[in-house]
Amino acid sequence: MGTLMPATPTQTLYVTVRRDELRQLKEERDQLRQQVAQLNSLLQQAGTGAERR
């Protein structure tokens, strides 16, 4: 069996993000979402093409 670990209270971490950093992170997130959408579309097309064979 595994070892038991004592329960520790959850810690909350506070960070400071500058507005320009936040804007950059949001832009990167939007780009990654677009890439995921494109890759999902390509996967669907590849799956549809494989079914036709």
PDB file of N, CA and C in Angstrom:
ATOM      1  N   MET A   1       0.832  -1.183   0.000  1.00  0.00           N
ATOM      2  CA  MET A   1       0.000   0.000   0.000  1.00  0.00           C
ATOM      3  C   MET A   1       0.877   1.246   0.000  1.00  0.00           C
ATOM      4  N   GLY A   2       0.261   2.371  -0.371  1.00  0.00           N
ATOM      5  CA  GLY A   2       1.003   3.625  -0.424  1.00  0.00           C
ATOM      6  C   GLY A   2       1.201   4.219   0.960  1.00  0.00           C
ATOM      7  N   THR A   3       2.082   5.164   1.023  1.00  0.00           N
ATOM      8  CA  THR A   3       2.311   5.834   2.304  1.00  0.00           C
ATOM      9  C   THR A   3       1.260   6.919   2.510  1.00  0.00           C
ATOM     10  N   LEU A   4       0.881   7.116   3.737  1.00  0.00           N
ATOM     11  CA  LEU A   4      -0.104   8.145   4.042  1.00  0.00           C
ATOM     12  C   LEU A   4       0.614   9.469   4.269  1.00  0.00           C
ATOM     13  N   MET A   5       0.067  10.518   3.679  1.00  0.00           N
ATOM     14  CA  MET A   5       0.636  11.849   3.846  1.00  0.00           C
ATOM     15  C   MET A   5      -0.285  12.649   4.759  1.00  0.00           C
ATOM     16  N   PRO A   6       0.280  13.393   5.667  1.00  0.00           N
ATOM     17  CA  PRO A   6      -0.572  14.209   6.537  1.00  0.00           C
ATOM     18  C   PRO A   6      -1.293  15.280   5.724  1.00  0.00           C
ATOM     19  N   ALA A   7      -2.537  15.536   6.068  1.00  0.00           N
ATOM     20  CA  ALA A   7      -3.314  16.552   5.361  1.00  0.00           C
ATOM     21  C   ALA A   7      -2.789  17.933   5.730  1.00  0.00           C
ATOM     22  N   THR A   8      -2.501  18.721   4.710  1.00  0.00           N
ATOM     23  CA  THR A   8      -2.039  20.087   4.958  1.00  0.00           C
ATOM     24  C   THR A   8      -3.076  21.046   4.379  1.00  0.00           C
ATOM     25  N   PRO A   9      -3.262  22.174   5.014  1.00  0.00           N
ATOM     26  CA  PRO A   9      -4.252  23.131   4.491  1.00  0.00           C
ATOM     27  C   PRO A   9      -3.817  23.673   3.133  1.00  0.00           C
ATOM     28  N   THR A  10      -4.793  23.963   2.309  1.00  0.00           N
ATOM     29  CA  THR A  10      -4.519  24.513   0.985  1.00  0.00           C
ATOM     30  C   THR A  10      -3.920  25.894   1.116  1.00  0.00           C
ATOM     31  N   GLN A  11      -2.901  26.157   0.321  1.00  0.00           N
ATOM     32  CA  GLN A  11      -2.270  27.472   0.339  1.00  0.00           C
ATOM     33  C   GLN A  11      -2.748  28.286  -0.849  1.00  0.00           C
ATOM     34  N   THR A  12      -3.002  29.556  -0.634  1.00  0.00           N
ATOM     35  CA  THR A  12      -3.379  30.463  -1.713  1.00  0.00           C
ATOM     36  C   THR A  12      -2.169  31.309  -2.060  1.00  0.00           C
ATOM     37  N   LEU A  13      -1.823  31.321  -3.328  1.00  0.00           N
ATOM     38  CA  LEU A  13      -0.689  32.121  -3.775  1.00  0.00           C
ATOM     39  C   LEU A  13      -1.212  33.343  -4.508  1.00  0.00           C
ATOM     40  N   TYR A  14      -0.656  34.470  -4.206  1.00  0.00           N
ATOM     41  CA  TYR A  14      -1.036  35.710  -4.878  1.00  0.00           C
ATOM     42  C   TYR A  14       0.115  36.145  -5.761  1.00  0.00           C
ATOM     43  N   VAL A  15      -0.208  36.487  -6.997  1.00  0.00           N
ATOM     44  CA  VAL A  15       0.821  36.960  -7.916  1.00  0.00           C
ATOM     45  C   VAL A  15       0.379  38.294  -8.493  1.00  0.00           C
ATOM     46  N   THR A  16       1.343  39.066  -8.886  1.00  0.00           N
ATOM     47  CA  THR A  16       1.064  40.345  -9.521  1.00  0.00           C
ATOM     48  C   THR A  16       1.435  40.235 -10.994  1.00  0.00           C
ATOM     49  N   VAL A  17       0.512  40.605 -11.854  1.00  0.00           N
ATOM     50  CA  VAL A  17       0.755  40.571 -13.289  1.00  0.00           C
ATOM     51  C   VAL A  17       0.508  41.976 -13.830  1.00  0.00           C
ATOM     52  N   ARG A  18       1.492  42.471 -14.538  1.00  0.00           N
ATOM     53  CA  ARG A  18       1.327  43.795 -15.144  1.00  0.00           C
ATOM     54  C   ARG A  18       0.320  43.716 -16.281  1.00  0.00           C
ATOM     55  N   ARG A  19      -0.279  44.838 -16.602  1.00  0.00           N
ATOM     56  CA  ARG A  19      -1.294  44.864 -17.666  1.00  0.00           C
ATOM     57  C   ARG A  19      -0.739  44.419 -19.001  1.00  0.00           C
ATOM     58  N   ASP A  20       0.488  44.835 -19.317  1.00  0.00           N
ATOM     59  CA  ASP A  20       1.070  44.429 -20.592  1.00  0.00           C
ATOM     60  C   ASP A  20       1.342  42.925 -20.611  1.00  0.00           C
ATOM     61  N   GLU A  21       1.738  42.364 -19.467  1.00  0.00           N
ATOM     62  CA  GLU A  21       1.945  40.916 -19.394  1.00  0.00           C
ATOM     63  C   GLU A  21       0.618  40.187 -19.554  1.00  0.00           C
ATOM     64  N   LEU A  22      -0.421  40.702 -18.919  1.00  0.00           N
ATOM     65  CA  LEU A  22      -1.733  40.081 -19.021  1.00  0.00           C
ATOM     66  C   LEU A  22      -2.243  40.126 -20.457  1.00  0.00           C
ATOM     67  N   ARG A  23      -2.062  41.248 -21.124  1.00  0.00           N
ATOM     68  CA  ARG A  23      -2.481  41.371 -22.523  1.00  0.00           C
ATOM     69  C   ARG A  23      -1.738  40.369 -23.401  1.00  0.00           C
ATOM     70  N   GLN A  24      -0.428  40.229 -23.161  1.00  0.00           N
ATOM     71  CA  GLN A  24       0.366  39.276 -23.936  1.00  0.00           C
ATOM     72  C   GLN A  24      -0.106  37.843 -23.684  1.00  0.00           C
ATOM     73  N   LEU A  25      -0.388  37.511 -22.430  1.00  0.00           N
ATOM     74  CA  LEU A  25      -0.874  36.166 -22.115  1.00  0.00           C
ATOM     75  C   LEU A  25      -2.214  35.887 -22.797  1.00  0.00           C
ATOM     76  N   LYS A  26      -3.084  36.895 -22.819  1.00  0.00           N
ATOM     77  CA  LYS A  26      -4.380  36.722 -23.474  1.00  0.00           C
ATOM     78  C   LYS A  26      -4.212  36.520 -24.978  1.00  0.00           C
ATOM     79  N   GLU A  27      -3.279  37.262 -25.579  1.00  0.00           N
ATOM     80  CA  GLU A  27      -3.013  37.097 -27.012  1.00  0.00           C
ATOM     81  C   GLU A  27      -2.474  35.701 -27.300  1.00  0.00           C
ATOM     82  N   GLU A  28      -1.553  35.232 -26.458  1.00  0.00           N
ATOM     83  CA  GLU A  28      -1.000  33.887 -26.640  1.00  0.00           C
ATOM     84  C   GLU A  28      -2.104  32.837 -26.482  1.00  0.00           C
ATOM     85  N   ARG A  29      -2.987  33.033 -25.504  1.00  0.00           N
ATOM     86  CA  ARG A  29      -4.098  32.109 -25.301  1.00  0.00           C
ATOM     87  C   ARG A  29      -4.989  32.063 -26.535  1.00  0.00           C
ATOM     88  N   ASP A  30      -5.296  33.237 -27.101  1.00  0.00           N
ATOM     89  CA  ASP A  30      -6.148  33.280 -28.285  1.00  0.00           C
ATOM     90  C   ASP A  30      -5.490  32.576 -29.470  1.00  0.00           C
ATOM     91  N   GLN A  31      -4.168  32.776 -29.634  1.00  0.00           N
ATOM     92  CA  GLN A  31      -3.450  32.100 -30.719  1.00  0.00           C
ATOM     93  C   GLN A  31      -3.477  30.591 -30.524  1.00  0.00           C
ATOM     94  N   LEU A  32      -3.279  30.144 -29.298  1.00  0.00           N
ATOM     95  CA  LEU A  32      -3.298  28.702 -29.027  1.00  0.00           C
ATOM     96  C   LEU A  32      -4.687  28.120 -29.272  1.00  0.00           C
ATOM     97  N   ARG A  33      -5.730  28.866 -28.919  1.00  0.00           N
ATOM     98  CA  ARG A  33      -7.093  28.393 -29.179  1.00  0.00           C
ATOM     99  C   ARG A  33      -7.341  28.255 -30.680  1.00  0.00           C
ATOM    100  N   GLN A  34      -6.823  29.215 -31.466  1.00  0.00           N
ATOM    101  CA  GLN A  34      -6.961  29.127 -32.924  1.00  0.00           C
ATOM    102  C   GLN A  34      -6.233  27.906 -33.465  1.00  0.00           C
ATOM    103  N   GLN A  35      -5.034  27.657 -32.941  1.00  0.00           N
ATOM    104  CA  GLN A  35      -4.272  26.490 -33.391  1.00  0.00           C
ATOM    105  C   GLN A  35      -5.006  25.202 -33.052  1.00  0.00           C
ATOM    106  N   VAL A  36      -5.572  25.123 -31.865  1.00  0.00           N
ATOM    107  CA  VAL A  36      -6.321  23.929 -31.468  1.00  0.00           C
ATOM    108  C   VAL A  36      -7.519  23.735 -32.387  1.00  0.00           C
ATOM    109  N   ALA A  37      -8.215  24.810 -32.714  1.00  0.00           N
ATOM    110  CA  ALA A  37      -9.367  24.715 -33.608  1.00  0.00           C
ATOM    111  C   ALA A  37      -8.930  24.225 -34.988  1.00  0.00           C
ATOM    112  N   GLN A  38      -7.812  24.750 -35.497  1.00  0.00           N
ATOM    113  CA  GLN A  38      -7.307  24.313 -36.806  1.00  0.00           C
ATOM    114  C   GLN A  38      -6.918  22.837 -36.774  1.00  0.00           C
ATOM    115  N   LEU A  39      -6.232  22.420 -35.710  1.00  0.00           N
ATOM    116  CA  LEU A  39      -5.806  21.023 -35.616  1.00  0.00           C
ATOM    117  C   LEU A  39      -7.005  20.092 -35.483  1.00  0.00           C
ATOM    118  N   ASN A  40      -8.019  20.507 -34.724  1.00  0.00           N
ATOM    119  CA  ASN A  40      -9.231  19.700 -34.615  1.00  0.00           C
ATOM    120  C   ASN A  40      -9.903  19.559 -35.970  1.00  0.00           C
ATOM    121  N   SER A  41      -9.925  20.640 -36.728  1.00  0.00           N
ATOM    122  CA  SER A  41     -10.520  20.601 -38.060  1.00  0.00           C
ATOM    123  C   SER A  41      -9.751  19.639 -38.969  1.00  0.00           C
ATOM    124  N   LEU A  42      -8.416  19.706 -38.908  1.00  0.00           N
ATOM    125  CA  LEU A  42      -7.603  18.801 -39.717  1.00  0.00           C
ATOM    126  C   LEU A  42      -7.824  17.344 -39.309  1.00  0.00           C
ATOM    127  N   LEU A  43      -7.945  17.103 -38.017  1.00  0.00           N
ATOM    128  CA  LEU A  43      -8.189  15.737 -37.543  1.00  0.00           C
ATOM    129  C   LEU A  43      -9.542  15.228 -38.026  1.00  0.00           C
ATOM    130  N   GLN A  44     -10.538  16.082 -37.999  1.00  0.00           N
ATOM    131  CA  GLN A  44     -11.865  15.678 -38.477  1.00  0.00           C
ATOM    132  C   GLN A  44     -11.817  15.362 -39.964  1.00  0.00           C
ATOM    133  N   GLN A  45     -11.111  16.207 -40.731  1.00  0.00           N
ATOM    134  CA  GLN A  45     -10.991  15.973 -42.171  1.00  0.00           C
ATOM    135  C   GLN A  45     -10.243  14.656 -42.432  1.00  0.00           C
ATOM    136  N   ALA A  46      -9.196  14.414 -41.672  1.00  0.00           N
ATOM    137  CA  ALA A  46      -8.423  13.183 -41.843  1.00  0.00           C
ATOM    138  C   ALA A  46      -9.280  11.967 -41.475  1.00  0.00           C
ATOM    139  N   GLY A  47     -10.073  12.101 -40.442  1.00  0.00           N
ATOM    140  CA  GLY A  47     -10.963  11.008 -40.038  1.00  0.00           C
ATOM    141  C   GLY A  47     -12.024  10.752 -41.072  1.00  0.00           C
ATOM    142  N   THR A  48     -12.570  11.805 -41.643  1.00  0.00           N
ATOM    143  CA  THR A  48     -13.589  11.653 -42.670  1.00  0.00           C
ATOM    144  C   THR A  48     -12.986  11.018 -43.920  1.00  0.00           C
ATOM    145  N   GLY A  49     -11.770  11.434 -44.263  1.00  0.00           N
ATOM    146  CA  GLY A  49     -11.101  10.873 -45.433  1.00  0.00           C
ATOM    147  C   GLY A  49     -10.795   9.397 -45.244  1.00  0.00           C
ATOM    148  N   ALA A  50     -10.431   8.987 -44.032  1.00  0.00           N
ATOM    149  CA  ALA A  50     -10.105   7.589 -43.758  1.00  0.00           C
ATOM    150  C   ALA A  50     -11.352   6.723 -43.836  1.00  0.00           C
ATOM    151  N   GLU A  51     -12.504   7.295 -43.461  1.00  0.00           N
ATOM    152  CA  GLU A  51     -13.753   6.524 -43.490  1.00  0.00           C
ATOM    153  C   GLU A  51     -14.199   6.247 -44.923  1.00  0.00           C
ATOM    154  N   ARG A  52     -13.861   7.131 -45.832  1.00  0.00           N
ATOM    155  CA  ARG A  52     -14.303   6.981 -47.222  1.00  0.00           C
ATOM    156  C   ARG A  52     -13.550   5.872 -47.954  1.00  0.00           C
ATOM    157  N   ARG A  53     -12.401   5.485 -47.452  1.00  0.00           N
ATOM    158  CA  ARG A  53     -11.572   4.484 -48.152  1.00  0.00           C
ATOM    159  C   ARG A  53     -12.157   3.108 -48.060  1.00  0.00           C
TER     160      ARG A  53
END
